[in-house]
Every structure is written in C-alpha cells, then in structure tokens.
Protein backbone atom coordinates (compact mmCIF):
# COMPACT_ATOMS: atom_id res chain seq x y z
CA MET A 1 -10.61 4.06 -11.39
CA PRO A 2 -7.57 6.35 -11.65
CA SER A 3 -8.41 7.35 -15.24
CA SER A 4 -11.87 8.72 -14.31
CA PRO A 5 -10.61 12.14 -13.08
CA LEU A 6 -8.62 12.51 -16.30
CA MET A 7 -11.71 11.73 -18.34
CA LEU A 8 -13.82 14.18 -16.37
CA GLY A 9 -11.21 16.90 -16.68
CA THR A 10 -10.91 16.38 -20.43
CA LEU A 11 -14.69 16.40 -20.87
CA GLY A 12 -14.97 19.56 -18.78
CA LEU A 13 -12.28 21.19 -20.89
CA MET A 14 -13.91 20.16 -24.16
CA ALA A 15 -17.25 21.52 -22.92
CA GLY A 16 -15.76 25.02 -23.15
CA VAL A 17 -14.47 24.58 -26.70
CA PRO A 18 -17.74 25.72 -28.36
CA ALA A 19 -17.41 29.05 -26.55
CA LEU A 20 -14.32 29.65 -28.68
CA THR A 21 -15.05 27.77 -31.88
CA VAL A 22 -18.50 29.29 -32.52
CA PRO A 23 -17.34 32.94 -32.68
CA VAL A 24 -14.22 31.90 -34.60
CA HIS A 25 -16.29 30.08 -37.23
CA ARG A 26 -18.60 33.06 -37.55
CA GLY A 27 -15.67 35.36 -38.09
CA LEU A 28 -14.09 32.97 -40.60
CA ALA A 29 -17.34 32.80 -42.56
CA ASP A 30 -17.42 36.60 -42.77
CA THR A 31 -13.84 36.74 -44.06
CA GLY A 32 -14.27 33.91 -46.59
CA HIS A 33 -11.63 31.66 -44.97
CA LEU A 34 -14.01 29.17 -43.34
CA LEU A 35 -12.58 25.95 -44.83
CA GLU A 36 -8.87 26.53 -44.34
CA GLY A 37 -9.43 28.34 -41.05
CA SER A 38 -11.48 25.42 -39.69
CA ALA A 39 -8.72 22.96 -40.66
CA VAL A 40 -6.08 25.02 -38.83
CA LEU A 41 -8.39 25.37 -35.81
CA LEU A 42 -8.86 21.60 -35.69
CA VAL A 43 -5.09 21.07 -35.66
CA LEU A 44 -4.71 23.70 -32.93
CA LEU A 45 -7.34 22.02 -30.76
CA ALA A 46 -5.65 18.63 -31.21
CA VAL A 47 -2.24 20.03 -30.22
CA HIS A 48 -3.76 21.80 -27.23
CA ALA A 49 -5.59 18.65 -26.09
CA ARG A 50 -2.32 16.71 -26.37
CA PHE A 51 -0.60 19.31 -24.20
CA VAL A 52 -3.34 19.24 -21.55
CA LEU A 53 -3.29 15.44 -21.36
CA GLY A 54 0.47 15.59 -20.86
CA ILE A 55 -0.02 17.98 -17.94
CA LEU A 56 -2.74 15.78 -16.40
CA THR A 57 -0.58 12.65 -16.62
CA ARG A 58 2.48 14.57 -15.38
CA LYS A 59 4.59 13.74 -18.42
CA GLY A 60 6.20 17.17 -18.51
CA VAL A 61 5.43 20.58 -19.94
CA GLY A 62 6.01 19.76 -23.60
CA TRP A 63 7.59 23.00 -24.77
CA TRP A 64 7.39 21.96 -28.41
CA LEU A 65 3.60 21.76 -28.07
CA ILE A 66 3.53 25.30 -26.64
CA ALA A 67 5.68 26.49 -29.56
CA ILE A 68 3.28 24.93 -32.09
CA GLN A 69 0.30 26.50 -30.29
CA ALA A 70 1.97 29.93 -30.38
CA TRP A 71 2.68 29.54 -34.09
CA LEU A 72 -0.90 28.43 -34.84
CA THR A 73 -2.27 31.28 -32.69
CA TYR A 74 -0.49 34.27 -34.22
CA LEU A 75 0.43 33.26 -37.78
CA PRO A 76 -3.18 32.63 -39.02
CA TRP A 77 -4.23 35.97 -37.53
CA THR A 78 -2.17 37.75 -40.18
CA PHE A 79 -4.44 36.17 -42.84
CA VAL A 80 -7.90 35.97 -41.28
CA GLY A 81 -7.72 39.00 -39.00
CA THR A 82 -9.66 39.58 -35.80
CA ALA A 83 -11.77 36.42 -36.22
CA TRP A 84 -8.77 34.46 -34.90
CA ILE A 85 -8.31 36.43 -31.65
CA PRO A 86 -10.47 34.14 -29.39
CA VAL A 87 -8.09 31.18 -29.88
CA SER A 88 -5.42 33.08 -27.91
CA ALA A 89 -7.29 31.88 -24.81
CA LEU A 90 -5.93 28.38 -25.51
CA LEU A 91 -2.34 29.61 -25.53
CA SER A 92 -3.01 31.64 -22.38
CA GLY A 93 -4.30 28.54 -20.58
CA ALA A 94 -1.32 26.47 -21.75
CA LEU A 95 1.15 29.05 -20.49
CA LEU A 96 -0.62 29.25 -17.13
CA LEU A 97 -0.37 25.48 -16.76
CA ALA A 98 3.32 25.60 -17.68
CA ALA A 99 3.89 28.50 -15.25
CA HIS A 100 2.26 26.53 -12.43
CA GLN A 101 4.36 23.44 -13.12
CA MET A 102 7.60 25.39 -13.53
CA ARG A 103 6.78 27.84 -10.71
CA SER A 104 7.56 30.66 -13.16
CA PHE A 105 6.14 34.15 -12.59
CA ALA A 106 7.43 35.26 -16.01
CA LEU A 107 5.35 32.62 -17.79
CA ALA A 108 2.29 33.71 -15.81
CA LEU A 109 2.78 37.30 -16.99
CA LEU A 110 3.28 36.06 -20.54
CA SER A 111 0.00 34.12 -20.37
CA VAL A 112 -1.84 37.29 -19.34
CA ALA A 113 -0.41 39.11 -22.37
CA CYS A 114 -1.54 36.52 -24.96
CA GLY A 115 -4.80 38.36 -25.70
CA PRO A 116 -3.99 41.98 -24.91
CA VAL A 117 -0.97 41.80 -27.23
CA PHE A 118 -3.46 42.26 -30.08
CA LEU A 119 -4.25 45.70 -28.69
CA ALA A 120 -0.83 46.80 -29.90
CA THR A 121 -1.98 46.42 -33.52
CA PRO A 122 -3.27 49.40 -35.49
CA SER A 123 -6.78 50.30 -34.37
CA GLY A 124 -8.13 49.88 -37.87
CA ALA A 125 -7.22 46.19 -37.85
CA LEU A 126 -8.84 45.49 -34.52
CA SER A 127 -12.62 45.29 -34.49
CA ASP A 128 -13.17 43.16 -31.37
CA VAL A 129 -11.34 44.44 -28.30
CA GLY A 130 -13.52 42.31 -25.97
CA TRP A 131 -11.97 38.97 -27.01
CA ALA A 132 -8.45 40.33 -26.60
CA VAL A 133 -9.21 41.36 -23.04
CA THR A 134 -11.18 38.25 -21.99
CA ALA A 135 -8.74 35.69 -23.48
CA PRO A 136 -6.61 35.57 -20.26
CA LEU A 137 -9.79 35.04 -18.21
CA LEU A 138 -10.75 32.06 -20.37
CA GLY A 139 -7.23 30.76 -19.99
CA LEU A 140 -7.58 31.09 -16.22
CA VAL A 141 -10.83 29.08 -16.32
CA GLU A 142 -9.09 26.34 -18.29
CA PHE A 143 -6.20 26.37 -15.83
CA ALA A 144 -8.63 25.91 -12.92
CA LEU A 145 -10.42 22.99 -14.62
CA VAL A 146 -7.23 21.18 -15.54
CA SER A 147 -5.66 21.77 -12.12
CA LEU A 148 -8.72 20.37 -10.36
CA ALA A 149 -8.75 17.35 -12.66
CA GLY A 150 -5.04 16.76 -12.01
CA GLN A 151 -5.55 17.02 -8.26
CA ALA A 152 -8.45 14.57 -8.47
CA HIS A 153 -6.25 12.19 -10.47
CA ARG A 154 -3.49 12.32 -7.87
CA LEU A 155 -5.95 11.79 -5.01
CA SER A 156 -7.45 8.82 -6.85
CA ALA A 157 -4.00 7.33 -7.42
CA THR A 158 -3.14 7.85 -3.73
CA ARG A 159 -6.37 6.17 -2.68
CA SER A 160 -5.64 3.21 -4.95
CA ASP A 161 -2.15 2.93 -3.45
CA VAL A 162 -3.56 2.99 0.10
CA ILE A 163 -6.08 0.29 -0.81
CA HIS A 164 -3.34 -1.83 -2.37
CA ARG A 165 -1.16 -1.47 0.73
CA ALA A 166 -4.09 -2.43 2.96
CA VAL A 167 -4.75 -5.55 0.87
CA VAL A 168 -1.07 -6.54 0.99
CA GLN A 169 -0.96 -5.97 4.75
CA GLU A 170 -4.10 -8.03 5.32
CA ARG A 171 -2.75 -10.83 3.11
CA ARG A 172 0.49 -10.75 5.09
CA ARG A 173 -1.44 -10.90 8.38
CA PHE A 174 -3.48 -13.85 7.21
CA THR A 175 -0.42 -15.75 5.99
CA ARG A 176 1.51 -15.06 9.18
CA ASP A 177 -1.34 -16.02 11.51
CA LEU A 178 -2.12 -19.11 9.47
CA HIS A 179 1.48 -20.27 9.66
CA ASP A 180 2.01 -19.42 13.33
CA LEU A 181 -1.23 -20.90 14.61
CA VAL A 182 -2.19 -23.68 12.22
CA GLY A 183 1.42 -24.77 11.67
CA HIS A 184 1.81 -25.41 15.38
CA ARG A 185 -1.43 -27.38 15.53
CA LEU A 186 -0.40 -29.51 12.56
CA THR A 187 2.93 -30.32 14.19
CA VAL A 188 1.13 -31.46 17.33
CA LEU A 189 -1.35 -33.48 15.30
CA VAL A 190 1.46 -35.32 13.51
CA LEU A 191 3.06 -36.21 16.84
CA LYS A 192 -0.27 -37.30 18.29
CA ALA A 193 -1.03 -39.45 15.24
CA GLN A 194 2.36 -41.12 15.52
CA LEU A 195 1.75 -41.75 19.22
CA VAL A 196 -1.70 -43.22 18.57
CA GLN A 197 -0.24 -45.44 15.87
CA ARG A 198 2.41 -46.77 18.27
CA LEU A 199 -0.08 -47.31 21.06
CA VAL A 200 -2.49 -49.14 18.76
CA HIS A 201 0.36 -51.32 17.54
CA GLU A 202 1.27 -52.11 21.16
CA ARG A 203 -2.41 -52.55 22.09
CA ASP A 204 -1.99 -49.99 24.84
CA GLU A 205 -5.14 -48.85 26.63
CA LYS A 206 -4.00 -45.23 26.35
CA ALA A 207 -4.63 -45.33 22.61
CA GLU A 208 -8.27 -44.38 23.00
CA GLN A 209 -7.39 -41.44 25.26
CA GLU A 210 -4.78 -40.16 22.83
CA LEU A 211 -7.25 -40.56 19.96
CA ASP A 212 -9.78 -38.42 21.85
CA GLU A 213 -7.12 -35.75 22.35
CA THR A 214 -6.27 -35.90 18.66
CA LEU A 215 -9.91 -35.34 17.73
CA ALA A 216 -10.04 -32.40 20.14
CA LEU A 217 -6.97 -30.94 18.43
CA LEU A 218 -8.66 -31.32 15.05
CA ARG A 219 -11.69 -29.43 16.31
CA ALA A 220 -9.43 -26.73 17.75
CA LEU A 221 -7.62 -26.53 14.42
CA ALA A 222 -10.90 -25.94 12.58
CA SER A 223 -11.79 -23.24 15.09
CA ASP A 224 -8.35 -21.63 14.69
CA VAL A 225 -8.69 -21.52 10.90
CA ARG A 226 -12.03 -19.73 11.24
CA ALA A 227 -10.50 -17.29 13.72
CA VAL A 228 -7.60 -16.49 11.37
CA ALA A 229 -9.95 -16.05 8.40
CA HIS A 230 -12.07 -13.53 10.32
CA GLY A 231 -9.15 -11.76 11.99
CA GLU A 232 -10.29 -12.73 15.48
CA GLN A 233 -7.83 -12.84 18.36
CA ARG A 234 -8.31 -16.08 20.26
CA SER A 235 -4.84 -16.35 21.82
CA SER A 236 -4.44 -16.77 25.57
CA LEU A 237 -1.01 -16.84 27.17
CA GLU A 238 -2.19 -18.72 30.27
CA ASN A 239 -3.97 -21.36 28.20
CA GLU A 240 -0.94 -21.70 25.95
CA LEU A 241 1.36 -22.21 28.95
CA SER A 242 -0.84 -25.03 30.23
CA SER A 243 -1.14 -26.49 26.75
CA ALA A 244 2.63 -26.37 26.24
CA ARG A 245 3.31 -28.29 29.45
CA ALA A 246 0.65 -30.91 28.68
CA LEU A 247 1.92 -31.33 25.13
CA LEU A 248 5.58 -31.72 26.10
CA GLU A 249 4.76 -34.20 28.83
CA SER A 250 2.45 -36.20 26.55
CA VAL A 251 5.40 -36.96 24.27
CA GLY A 252 7.71 -37.89 27.13
CA ILE A 253 9.48 -34.55 27.71
CA ARG A 254 9.74 -33.51 31.35
CA CYS A 255 8.67 -29.86 31.60
CA GLN A 256 9.63 -27.41 34.32
CA MET A 257 7.73 -24.14 34.26
CA ARG A 258 8.18 -20.90 36.20
CA VAL A 259 5.88 -17.90 35.73
CA SER A 260 6.27 -14.72 37.79
CA CYS A 261 4.56 -11.98 35.75
CA ARG A 262 0.86 -11.47 35.11
CA ASP A 263 -1.56 -8.83 33.81
CA LEU A 264 0.31 -8.18 30.60
CA SER A 265 -1.14 -5.96 27.88
CA ARG A 266 -3.02 -7.64 25.05
CA GLU A 267 -0.27 -6.88 22.50
CA VAL A 268 2.55 -8.22 24.70
CA GLY A 269 0.51 -11.24 25.74
CA GLU A 270 -0.32 -12.09 22.16
CA ALA A 271 3.32 -11.78 21.06
CA LEU A 272 4.46 -14.00 23.93
CA THR A 273 1.77 -16.54 23.07
CA HIS A 274 3.07 -16.82 19.52
CA ALA A 275 6.65 -16.96 20.84
CA LEU A 276 5.79 -19.79 23.22
CA ARG A 277 4.01 -21.67 20.47
CA GLU A 278 6.94 -21.26 18.07
CA GLY A 279 9.50 -22.25 20.73
CA VAL A 280 7.65 -25.43 21.70
CA THR A 281 7.16 -26.33 18.04
CA ASN A 282 10.92 -26.01 17.45
CA VAL A 283 11.61 -28.25 20.45
CA LEU A 284 9.38 -30.92 18.95
CA ARG A 285 10.80 -30.56 15.44
CA HIS A 286 14.51 -30.01 15.93
CA ALA A 287 15.46 -31.95 19.03
CA THR A 288 15.10 -35.28 20.79
CA ALA A 289 14.51 -33.53 24.07
CA ARG A 290 14.00 -35.22 27.41
CA GLU A 291 13.83 -32.05 29.51
CA CYS A 292 12.51 -28.58 28.80
CA ALA A 293 12.43 -25.53 31.09
CA ILE A 294 10.05 -22.65 30.38
CA GLN A 295 10.36 -19.37 32.29
CA LEU A 296 8.23 -16.23 32.02
CA LEU A 297 9.87 -13.54 34.18
CA GLU A 298 9.95 -9.77 34.51
CA GLN A 299 12.83 -7.53 35.52
CA ASP A 300 13.02 -3.75 35.22
CA ARG A 301 9.72 -3.74 33.26
CA LEU A 302 11.26 -6.08 30.70
CA VAL A 303 9.33 -9.32 30.17
CA SER A 304 11.45 -12.33 29.30
CA LEU A 305 10.24 -15.67 27.95
CA SER A 306 12.91 -18.37 27.76
CA ILE A 307 12.67 -21.97 26.62
CA ARG A 308 15.67 -24.20 27.30
CA ASN A 309 15.80 -27.80 26.11
CA ASP A 310 18.30 -30.59 25.66
CA GLY A 311 18.55 -33.14 22.88
CA VAL A 312 20.00 -30.85 20.20
CA LEU A 313 22.02 -33.19 18.01
CA GLN A 314 23.71 -30.52 15.88
CA PRO A 315 24.25 -26.75 16.01
CA TYR A 316 20.95 -25.00 15.44
CA HIS A 317 20.68 -21.83 13.36
CA PRO A 318 17.75 -19.40 13.45
CA LYS A 319 17.17 -19.84 9.73
CA ASP A 320 16.38 -23.50 10.42
CA GLY A 321 13.13 -22.30 12.00
CA GLY A 322 11.88 -21.21 8.60
CA GLN A 323 9.06 -18.73 8.26
CA GLY A 324 8.00 -19.10 11.89
CA LEU A 325 11.00 -17.27 13.34
CA ILE A 326 10.74 -14.60 10.64
CA ASN A 327 7.11 -13.97 11.55
CA LEU A 328 7.94 -13.94 15.24
CA THR A 329 10.78 -11.46 14.76
CA GLU A 330 8.38 -9.12 12.95
CA ARG A 331 5.81 -9.36 15.74
CA ILE A 332 8.17 -8.58 18.60
CA ALA A 333 10.09 -5.89 16.68
CA VAL A 334 6.89 -3.83 16.51
CA LEU A 335 6.79 -3.91 20.33
CA GLY A 336 10.45 -3.00 20.68
CA GLY A 337 11.47 -6.55 21.62
CA ALA A 338 14.23 -8.88 20.52
CA LEU A 339 14.67 -12.60 19.84
CA GLU A 340 17.78 -14.55 20.78
CA THR A 341 18.61 -18.17 19.97
CA THR A 342 21.72 -19.78 21.45
CA THR A 343 23.15 -23.28 21.18
CA LEU A 344 24.73 -24.18 24.53
CA ARG A 345 27.33 -26.76 25.43
CA GLY A 346 26.16 -30.26 26.10
CA GLY A 347 23.52 -30.28 23.37
CA SER A 348 21.20 -27.69 24.94
CA PHE A 349 19.40 -24.87 23.19
CA LEU A 350 18.07 -21.55 24.55
CA PHE A 351 15.21 -19.72 22.88
CA GLN A 352 14.59 -16.31 24.52
CA ILE A 353 12.28 -13.35 23.90
CA ARG A 354 12.59 -9.98 25.62
CA ILE A 355 9.79 -7.40 25.28
CA PRO A 356 9.20 -4.15 27.18
CA ARG A 357 6.13 -4.48 29.38
CA SER A 358 4.59 -1.39 27.79
CA ASN A 359 5.50 0.76 24.78
C-alpha cells in the first residue's frame, strides 16, 4: 500500500528519538527541571513529527513549524542549560529537509550551525561540547531516513498508478474485443434465426441446413468469448473473407470479392479482420443491400480494404455505427491508418480502411 513507506519512515525516525531523549532527561534530572522540561520536549517532538509527515506527504515545508521548533530549541536552553543541547539535532534535520525541498544552500549551512552555535556561549556555561558538534550529524541521519522514506513513498505511488493504468487498459481491451467479435456474431445469429423462422414457416427444406449453421455459429460464439476472456488472438483475415462472402450470400446479397495482397503482418491482418467484420455488420444492420463489393488491395505499400454496398435508404453517418467504429478507429490509428466512410449517389455506401503495410 502507498502508506507503508510513510509508516516505515516514521517508525525509523522514531527509533532514533531515544538517542536524544535519554541524555536530555538525564540532564534535566540533574538540573531539577525534569517535569517542565519533559513537557516541552514532548511538544517539540510532536511539532517535529508533524513537520516530517508534511515533508513525506509533500504538503509543503511548513515554515511555521520550523519557527516553533527553533523557539522550542533555543528558548528552554536559557533555563535548563546544556541539558537541552541535543534537541538541536531535530532543528538541524528539519532545516536540511527544507533546504533539500527548496534547493537552498543557505538553509543547508544554517542547519549545520544549529549545534555549533552553542559554542559561541561563554565556556563556563558549556559543559558538553560533544553534543553541539554531533547535532548536525544526527540531523543528517534524520534527513537520510526521511528522504529514503519519501522516495519509497513516491515509487510506491508510481507503481500503484502503473498497475491502475494496466487494469484500465486490460478492461478496455476486453470491452473492445468483446464488442467487435461477439457483437458481430450476435448480429449474424439474429439474421440466421430470422431466416430459420421464415424457412420453417414456409416448410422449406433448407431450414434444417440453416439451423445447423446457426448451431455452428453458437459454438463459434462460445469459443470467441473464451478467446476474448483469455486474451487469445484467434482472428484470421482469410477465414474472415470467406466467412463474409458466405454470410452475405446466405441472406441474399450478391458478393463480389477481389483480393490482391497476401502475407500481411499479424498486427495489420488483425486490424483488417476487425475492419472487415465491422463493415459487413454495418451492411447487414444499416442497409437493404442486394450487392456488395469487397476489395483488399495494395498500392505503394499501403493496404486498402473497401466495402461498397447498395441499399442505403438514408444518409449514413459514422456515429451511426456506434462503439464499433470508435473501436476500429482506435485500432487502425495505432498502425498509422485511417478510416473513411462515404455515402455515394444512388443509395450506395463506401467503407474504406487504409493502413501502411509495415510501421
């Protein structure tokens, strides 16, 4: 989870607190200010933790928190003396974090001076020079821990975003393939069922043959659904060309087909398969066609698939194709192709795809 790096960073930071609080409490006990000094130290730790969490969550520097830390670092020292010097490491770490975020060299120098500034006091008032010198080092350790935790948090958030994008992309693929493949099969099944119903009503002997074909389509539909669910590519342009001709002729549409290009790449072949399926589906849905011409040609390494049909009763707009044309446009755009739909005079319609043979 994204919050785990923050938790680890905070726990790592808190693990170093005893290194400061233990000597401070010992010094406070010696000076007789243990109770009030402990209360101030608790407030200082709370303010510092709030500042660090703000840095980890990238909510800004929080200059007012730095000001409070500076006040709680130097003002109590005037009352309790050298016992308070170790807490300057907290202010040093806070300034280093602010310097890193603001890209400020001056703040970095100021953080180094948080402890040694006590060396400027009269020598009689300074009994522990070691803490004044090591305070910037402790601040540097804190800076390293917090920076690592922040980096881990950002990497975790990036990973979550990548996973989310992958899930969205896979959901989009599934929806698109389901519509493009299963939608076509369902359209054919409806037409076949209507044909079987008419033939049965007329007691035509072809009814049994059409019923067998309908059952075969149902089995193919079940297989297609499994293929889409598992992300398998089962498309074949040659099979789809034969299937398109057989389907159009089975519903009384005379089909003329011309194919002059072969050995296409898998990506181009798959895109053309979906284009052919979508074009034939639109012929069946949006026209009372009697003739349909399908051409798959190549010129200047540009593959062109065109489907021309008659029987268009009213001007046809690409948006009438619904999600199918949207999906198809996305597929061919990835390959650098283009889709054109044109309503011709005399009630004819031209559906054309152009795709470069190779990217």
